[in-house]
PDB file of N, CA and C in Angstrom:
ATOM      1  N   VAL A   1      -0.798 -10.407  -6.579  1.00  0.00           N
ATOM      2  CA  VAL A   1      -1.749 -11.177  -5.687  1.00  0.00           C
ATOM      3  C   VAL A   1      -3.077 -10.486  -5.571  1.00  0.00           C
ATOM      4  N   SER A   2      -3.125  -9.210  -5.498  1.00  0.00           N
ATOM      5  CA  SER A   2      -4.521  -8.609  -5.469  1.00  0.00           C
ATOM      6  C   SER A   2      -4.298  -7.115  -5.898  1.00  0.00           C
ATOM      7  N   LYS A   3      -5.590  -6.619  -6.272  1.00  0.00           N
ATOM      8  CA  LYS A   3      -5.868  -5.244  -6.687  1.00  0.00           C
ATOM      9  C   LYS A   3      -7.048  -4.729  -5.897  1.00  0.00           C
ATOM     10  N   GLU A   4      -6.982  -3.578  -5.262  1.00  0.00           N
ATOM     11  CA  GLU A   4      -8.105  -3.065  -4.590  1.00  0.00           C
ATOM     12  C   GLU A   4      -8.239  -1.601  -4.722  1.00  0.00           C
ATOM     13  N   SER A   5      -9.448  -1.119  -5.028  1.00  0.00           N
ATOM     14  CA  SER A   5      -9.701   0.300  -4.898  1.00  0.00           C
ATOM     15  C   SER A   5     -10.068   0.694  -3.527  1.00  0.00           C
ATOM     16  N   PHE A   6      -9.774   1.910  -3.126  1.00  0.00           N
ATOM     17  CA  PHE A   6     -10.060   2.332  -1.716  1.00  0.00           C
ATOM     18  C   PHE A   6     -10.428   3.771  -1.678  1.00  0.00           C
ATOM     19  N   THR A   7     -11.062   4.256  -0.700  1.00  0.00           N
ATOM     20  CA  THR A   7     -11.279   5.596  -0.307  1.00  0.00           C
ATOM     21  C   THR A   7     -10.762   5.724   1.096  1.00  0.00           C
ATOM     22  N   SER A   8      -9.769   6.709   1.353  1.00  0.00           N
ATOM     23  CA  SER A   8      -9.266   6.868   2.771  1.00  0.00           C
ATOM     24  C   SER A   8     -10.323   7.452   3.656  1.00  0.00           C
ATOM     25  N   ASP A   9     -10.061   7.470   4.887  1.00  0.00           N
ATOM     26  CA  ASP A   9     -10.980   8.068   5.897  1.00  0.00           C
ATOM     27  C   ASP A   9     -11.118   9.553   5.640  1.00  0.00           C
ATOM     28  N   ASN A  10     -10.222  10.187   4.773  1.00  0.00           N
ATOM     29  CA  ASN A  10     -10.203  11.599   4.509  1.00  0.00           C
ATOM     30  C   ASN A  10     -10.813  11.831   3.001  1.00  0.00           C
ATOM     31  N   GLY A  11     -11.373  10.868   2.444  1.00  0.00           N
ATOM     32  CA  GLY A  11     -11.987  11.043   1.097  1.00  0.00           C
ATOM     33  C   GLY A  11     -11.085  10.971  -0.036  1.00  0.00           C
ATOM     34  N   VAL A  12      -9.832  10.498   0.057  1.00  0.00           N
ATOM     35  CA  VAL A  12      -8.855  10.420  -0.954  1.00  0.00           C
ATOM     36  C   VAL A  12      -9.114   9.015  -1.648  1.00  0.00           C
ATOM     37  N   LYS A  13      -9.368   9.023  -2.906  1.00  0.00           N
ATOM     38  CA  LYS A  13      -9.579   7.705  -3.630  1.00  0.00           C
ATOM     39  C   LYS A  13      -8.185   7.223  -4.208  1.00  0.00           C
ATOM     40  N   GLY A  14      -8.036   5.952  -4.380  1.00  0.00           N
ATOM     41  CA  GLY A  14      -6.866   5.334  -4.863  1.00  0.00           C
ATOM     42  C   GLY A  14      -6.980   3.922  -5.213  1.00  0.00           C
ATOM     43  N   VAL A  15      -5.908   3.361  -5.551  1.00  0.00           N
ATOM     44  CA  VAL A  15      -5.837   1.894  -5.872  1.00  0.00           C
ATOM     45  C   VAL A  15      -4.536   1.323  -5.210  1.00  0.00           C
ATOM     46  N   MET A  16      -4.698   0.061  -4.685  1.00  0.00           N
ATOM     47  CA  MET A  16      -3.651  -0.601  -4.038  1.00  0.00           C
ATOM     48  C   MET A  16      -3.322  -2.012  -4.601  1.00  0.00           C
ATOM     49  N   PHE A  17      -2.247  -2.271  -4.928  1.00  0.00           N
ATOM     50  CA  PHE A  17      -1.785  -3.532  -5.392  1.00  0.00           C
ATOM     51  C   PHE A  17      -0.878  -4.317  -4.407  1.00  0.00           C
ATOM     52  N   LYS A  18      -1.099  -5.530  -4.218  1.00  0.00           N
ATOM     53  CA  LYS A  18      -0.244  -6.289  -3.347  1.00  0.00           C
ATOM     54  C   LYS A  18       0.433  -7.474  -4.235  1.00  0.00           C
ATOM     55  N   LEU A  19       1.758  -7.436  -4.156  1.00  0.00           N
ATOM     56  CA  LEU A  19       2.519  -8.359  -5.006  1.00  0.00           C
ATOM     57  C   LEU A  19       3.385  -9.215  -4.032  1.00  0.00           C
ATOM     58  N   SER A  20       3.782 -10.292  -4.628  1.00  0.00           N
ATOM     59  CA  SER A  20       4.765 -11.112  -3.864  1.00  0.00           C
ATOM     60  C   SER A  20       5.832 -11.569  -4.931  1.00  0.00           C
ATOM     61  N   PHE A  21       7.123 -11.595  -4.439  1.00  0.00           N
ATOM     62  CA  PHE A  21       8.287 -12.083  -5.234  1.00  0.00           C
ATOM     63  C   PHE A  21       9.363 -12.628  -4.385  1.00  0.00           C
ATOM     64  N   GLU A  22      10.242 -13.292  -5.106  1.00  0.00           N
ATOM     65  CA  GLU A  22      11.329 -13.983  -4.371  1.00  0.00           C
ATOM     66  C   GLU A  22      12.657 -13.473  -5.076  1.00  0.00           C
ATOM     67  N   LEU A  23      13.568 -13.161  -4.112  1.00  0.00           N
ATOM     68  CA  LEU A  23      14.890 -12.629  -4.540  1.00  0.00           C
ATOM     69  C   LEU A  23      15.922 -13.361  -3.780  1.00  0.00           C
ATOM     70  N   LYS A  24      16.760 -14.079  -4.526  1.00  0.00           N
ATOM     71  CA  LYS A  24      17.931 -14.848  -3.847  1.00  0.00           C
ATOM     72  C   LYS A  24      17.398 -15.842  -2.731  1.00  0.00           C
ATOM     73  N   GLY A  25      16.240 -16.398  -3.086  1.00  0.00           N
ATOM     74  CA  GLY A  25      15.711 -17.438  -2.120  1.00  0.00           C
ATOM     75  C   GLY A  25      14.882 -16.862  -0.996  1.00  0.00           C
ATOM     76  N   ASP A  26      14.805 -15.565  -0.845  1.00  0.00           N
ATOM     77  CA  ASP A  26      13.966 -14.924   0.192  1.00  0.00           C
ATOM     78  C   ASP A  26      12.669 -14.313  -0.463  1.00  0.00           C
ATOM     79  N   LYS A  27      11.547 -14.604   0.252  1.00  0.00           N
ATOM     80  CA  LYS A  27      10.243 -14.156  -0.148  1.00  0.00           C
ATOM     81  C   LYS A  27       9.882 -12.782   0.358  1.00  0.00           C
ATOM     82  N   TYR A  28       9.302 -11.982  -0.403  1.00  0.00           N
ATOM     83  CA  TYR A  28       8.919 -10.593  -0.129  1.00  0.00           C
ATOM     84  C   TYR A  28       7.570 -10.208  -0.497  1.00  0.00           C
ATOM     85  N   ILE A  29       6.967  -9.357   0.226  1.00  0.00           N
ATOM     86  CA  ILE A  29       5.702  -8.738  -0.164  1.00  0.00           C
ATOM     87  C   ILE A  29       5.823  -7.250  -0.548  1.00  0.00           C
ATOM     88  N   ARG A  30       5.112  -6.834  -1.533  1.00  0.00           N
ATOM     89  CA  ARG A  30       5.218  -5.373  -1.873  1.00  0.00           C
ATOM     90  C   ARG A  30       3.844  -4.835  -2.114  1.00  0.00           C
ATOM     91  N   TYR A  31       3.598  -3.667  -1.479  1.00  0.00           N
ATOM     92  CA  TYR A  31       2.384  -2.964  -1.723  1.00  0.00           C
ATOM     93  C   TYR A  31       2.772  -1.763  -2.519  1.00  0.00           C
ATOM     94  N   MET A  32       1.978  -1.485  -3.623  1.00  0.00           N
ATOM     95  CA  MET A  32       2.024  -0.283  -4.421  1.00  0.00           C
ATOM     96  C   MET A  32       0.720   0.375  -4.322  1.00  0.00           C
ATOM     97  N   VAL A  33       0.821   1.661  -3.725  1.00  0.00           N
ATOM     98  CA  VAL A  33      -0.345   2.363  -3.594  1.00  0.00           C
ATOM     99  C   VAL A  33      -0.382   3.658  -4.317  1.00  0.00           C
ATOM    100  N   TYR A  34      -1.365   4.035  -5.132  1.00  0.00           N
ATOM    101  CA  TYR A  34      -1.528   5.172  -5.797  1.00  0.00           C
ATOM    102  C   TYR A  34      -2.790   5.943  -5.328  1.00  0.00           C
ATOM    103  N   ALA A  35      -2.748   7.085  -4.902  1.00  0.00           N
ATOM    104  CA  ALA A  35      -3.946   7.811  -4.328  1.00  0.00           C
ATOM    105  C   ALA A  35      -3.826   9.287  -4.760  1.00  0.00           C
ATOM    106  N   GLY A  36      -5.064   9.879  -5.004  1.00  0.00           N
ATOM    107  CA  GLY A  36      -5.142  11.199  -5.354  1.00  0.00           C
ATOM    108  C   GLY A  36      -5.731  11.483  -6.766  1.00  0.00           C
ATOM    109  N   ASP A  37      -5.325  12.559  -7.385  1.00  0.00           N
ATOM    110  CA  ASP A  37      -5.712  12.943  -8.743  1.00  0.00           C
ATOM    111  C   ASP A  37      -4.665  13.489  -9.553  1.00  0.00           C
ATOM    112  N   LEU A  38      -5.012  14.155 -10.606  1.00  0.00           N
ATOM    113  CA  LEU A  38      -3.989  14.852 -11.455  1.00  0.00           C
ATOM    114  C   LEU A  38      -3.337  16.010 -10.843  1.00  0.00           C
ATOM    115  N   THR A  39      -3.938  16.586  -9.817  1.00  0.00           N
ATOM    116  CA  THR A  39      -3.262  17.752  -9.043  1.00  0.00           C
ATOM    117  C   THR A  39      -2.390  17.286  -8.049  1.00  0.00           C
ATOM    118  N   LYS A  40      -2.828  16.288  -7.144  1.00  0.00           N
ATOM    119  CA  LYS A  40      -2.007  15.891  -6.013  1.00  0.00           C
ATOM    120  C   LYS A  40      -2.085  14.332  -6.112  1.00  0.00           C
ATOM    121  N   THR A  41      -0.862  13.794  -6.146  1.00  0.00           N
ATOM    122  CA  THR A  41      -0.862  12.195  -6.194  1.00  0.00           C
ATOM    123  C   THR A  41       0.161  11.725  -5.145  1.00  0.00           C
ATOM    124  N   LEU A  42      -0.242  10.700  -4.514  1.00  0.00           N
ATOM    125  CA  LEU A  42       0.701  10.007  -3.652  1.00  0.00           C
ATOM    126  C   LEU A  42       1.030   8.630  -4.171  1.00  0.00           C
ATOM    127  N   TRP A  43       2.272   8.256  -4.259  1.00  0.00           N
ATOM    128  CA  TRP A  43       2.755   6.944  -4.748  1.00  0.00           C
ATOM    129  C   TRP A  43       3.646   6.311  -3.710  1.00  0.00           C
ATOM    130  N   LEU A  44       3.160   5.222  -3.233  1.00  0.00           N
ATOM    131  CA  LEU A  44       3.949   4.483  -2.156  1.00  0.00           C
ATOM    132  C   LEU A  44       4.328   3.121  -2.596  1.00  0.00           C
ATOM    133  N   ASN A  45       5.538   2.771  -2.467  1.00  0.00           N
ATOM    134  CA  ASN A  45       6.027   1.402  -2.481  1.00  0.00           C
ATOM    135  C   ASN A  45       6.499   0.936  -1.240  1.00  0.00           C
ATOM    136  N   ILE A  46       5.956  -0.081  -0.726  1.00  0.00           N
ATOM    137  CA  ILE A  46       6.267  -0.689   0.538  1.00  0.00           C
ATOM    138  C   ILE A  46       6.638  -2.087   0.365  1.00  0.00           C
ATOM    139  N   THR A  47       7.903  -2.408   0.703  1.00  0.00           N
ATOM    140  CA  THR A  47       8.370  -3.801   0.557  1.00  0.00           C
ATOM    141  C   THR A  47       8.982  -4.360   1.870  1.00  0.00           C
ATOM    142  N   TYR A  48       8.577  -5.546   2.218  1.00  0.00           N
ATOM    143  CA  TYR A  48       9.080  -6.100   3.356  1.00  0.00           C
ATOM    144  C   TYR A  48       9.224  -7.721   3.218  1.00  0.00           C
ATOM    145  N   PRO A  49       9.995  -8.357   4.077  1.00  0.00           N
ATOM    146  CA  PRO A  49      10.111  -9.774   4.004  1.00  0.00           C
ATOM    147  C   PRO A  49       8.732 -10.472   4.406  1.00  0.00           C
ATOM    148  N   GLN A  50       8.443 -11.438   3.704  1.00  0.00           N
ATOM    149  CA  GLN A  50       7.107 -12.214   3.833  1.00  0.00           C
ATOM    150  C   GLN A  50       6.927 -12.581   5.269  1.00  0.00           C
ATOM    151  N   MET A  51       8.033 -13.099   5.883  1.00  0.00           N
ATOM    152  CA  MET A  51       7.988 -13.619   7.262  1.00  0.00           C
ATOM    153  C   MET A  51       7.522 -12.651   8.288  1.00  0.00           C
ATOM    154  N   LEU A  52       7.559 -11.293   7.951  1.00  0.00           N
ATOM    155  CA  LEU A  52       7.111 -10.235   8.807  1.00  0.00           C
ATOM    156  C   LEU A  52       5.592  -9.717   8.594  1.00  0.00           C
ATOM    157  N   GLU A  53       5.011 -10.426   7.559  1.00  0.00           N
ATOM    158  CA  GLU A  53       3.593 -10.016   7.121  1.00  0.00           C
ATOM    159  C   GLU A  53       2.695  -9.888   8.189  1.00  0.00           C
ATOM    160  N   GLU A  54       2.655 -10.876   9.185  1.00  0.00           N
ATOM    161  CA  GLU A  54       1.677 -10.823  10.308  1.00  0.00           C
ATOM    162  C   GLU A  54       1.823  -9.662  11.142  1.00  0.00           C
ATOM    163  N   LEU A  55       3.035  -9.187  11.314  1.00  0.00           N
ATOM    164  CA  LEU A  55       3.288  -7.953  12.155  1.00  0.00           C
ATOM    165  C   LEU A  55       3.078  -6.681  11.383  1.00  0.00           C
ATOM    166  N   ILE A  56       3.323  -6.581  10.133  1.00  0.00           N
ATOM    167  CA  ILE A  56       3.301  -5.383   9.417  1.00  0.00           C
ATOM    168  C   ILE A  56       2.019  -4.955   8.556  1.00  0.00           C
ATOM    169  N   GLU A  57       1.440  -6.028   8.062  1.00  0.00           N
ATOM    170  CA  GLU A  57       0.307  -5.677   7.123  1.00  0.00           C
ATOM    171  C   GLU A  57      -0.807  -4.842   7.677  1.00  0.00           C
ATOM    172  N   LEU A  58      -1.192  -5.224   8.873  1.00  0.00           N
ATOM    173  CA  LEU A  58      -2.285  -4.340   9.474  1.00  0.00           C
ATOM    174  C   LEU A  58      -1.963  -2.900   9.564  1.00  0.00           C
ATOM    175  N   GLU A  59      -0.680  -2.645   9.998  1.00  0.00           N
ATOM    176  CA  GLU A  59      -0.302  -1.274  10.219  1.00  0.00           C
ATOM    177  C   GLU A  59      -0.153  -0.500   8.726  1.00  0.00           C
ATOM    178  N   ILE A  60       0.196  -1.265   7.749  1.00  0.00           N
ATOM    179  CA  ILE A  60       0.246  -0.699   6.463  1.00  0.00           C
ATOM    180  C   ILE A  60      -1.171  -0.260   6.010  1.00  0.00           C
ATOM    181  N   LEU A  61      -2.111  -1.241   6.132  1.00  0.00           N
ATOM    182  CA  LEU A  61      -3.507  -0.972   5.775  1.00  0.00           C
ATOM    183  C   LEU A  61      -4.167   0.230   6.479  1.00  0.00           C
ATOM    184  N   LYS A  62      -3.778   0.366   7.844  1.00  0.00           N
ATOM    185  CA  LYS A  62      -4.230   1.531   8.656  1.00  0.00           C
ATOM    186  C   LYS A  62      -3.654   2.800   8.055  1.00  0.00           C
ATOM    187  N   SER A  63      -2.350   2.806   7.690  1.00  0.00           N
ATOM    188  CA  SER A  63      -1.741   3.947   7.176  1.00  0.00           C
ATOM    189  C   SER A  63      -2.334   4.331   5.869  1.00  0.00           C
ATOM    190  N   VAL A  64      -2.684   3.363   4.930  1.00  0.00           N
ATOM    191  CA  VAL A  64      -3.286   3.715   3.744  1.00  0.00           C
ATOM    192  C   VAL A  64      -4.748   4.362   4.053  1.00  0.00           C
ATOM    193  N   LYS A  65      -5.403   3.840   4.920  1.00  0.00           N
ATOM    194  CA  LYS A  65      -6.757   4.447   5.284  1.00  0.00           C
ATOM    195  C   LYS A  65      -6.689   5.832   5.865  1.00  0.00           C
ATOM    196  N   SER A  66      -5.476   6.300   6.328  1.00  0.00           N
ATOM    197  CA  SER A  66      -5.351   7.576   6.850  1.00  0.00           C
ATOM    198  C   SER A  66      -4.784   8.652   5.798  1.00  0.00           C
ATOM    199  N   ILE A  67      -4.594   8.240   4.616  1.00  0.00           N
ATOM    200  CA  ILE A  67      -4.028   9.236   3.670  1.00  0.00           C
ATOM    201  C   ILE A  67      -4.919  10.457   3.581  1.00  0.00           C
ATOM    202  N   ASN A  68      -4.223  11.674   3.697  1.00  0.00           N
ATOM    203  CA  ASN A  68      -4.783  12.923   3.559  1.00  0.00           C
ATOM    204  C   ASN A  68      -3.941  13.888   2.698  1.00  0.00           C
ATOM    205  N   LEU A  69      -4.471  14.314   1.651  1.00  0.00           N
ATOM    206  CA  LEU A  69      -3.767  15.156   0.690  1.00  0.00           C
ATOM    207  C   LEU A  69      -4.043  16.642   0.869  1.00  0.00           C
ATOM    208  N   LYS A  70      -4.836  16.946   1.878  1.00  0.00           N
ATOM    209  CA  LYS A  70      -5.069  18.311   2.317  1.00  0.00           C
ATOM    210  C   LYS A  70      -4.911  18.555   3.767  1.00  0.00           C
ATOM    211  N   PRO A  71      -3.632  18.504   4.159  1.00  0.00           N
ATOM    212  CA  PRO A  71      -3.332  18.551   5.624  1.00  0.00           C
ATOM    213  C   PRO A  71      -3.626  19.959   6.286  1.00  0.00           C
TER     214      PRO A  71
END
């Protein structure tokens, strides 16, 4: 569905993909997030039913913006 480069509030650069798919008649959304570099990398796969998108998507985007690889 989409591909977006981002920089978190803590300066971590990454790329985020948003995909959609259907499984046994149910529609799903998946975010695949890759952040960091060759030393420290974060890889997230977040999948949820499409009918919950209105409730969940904003929280996922807030979480991605808060990535910090130097806690």
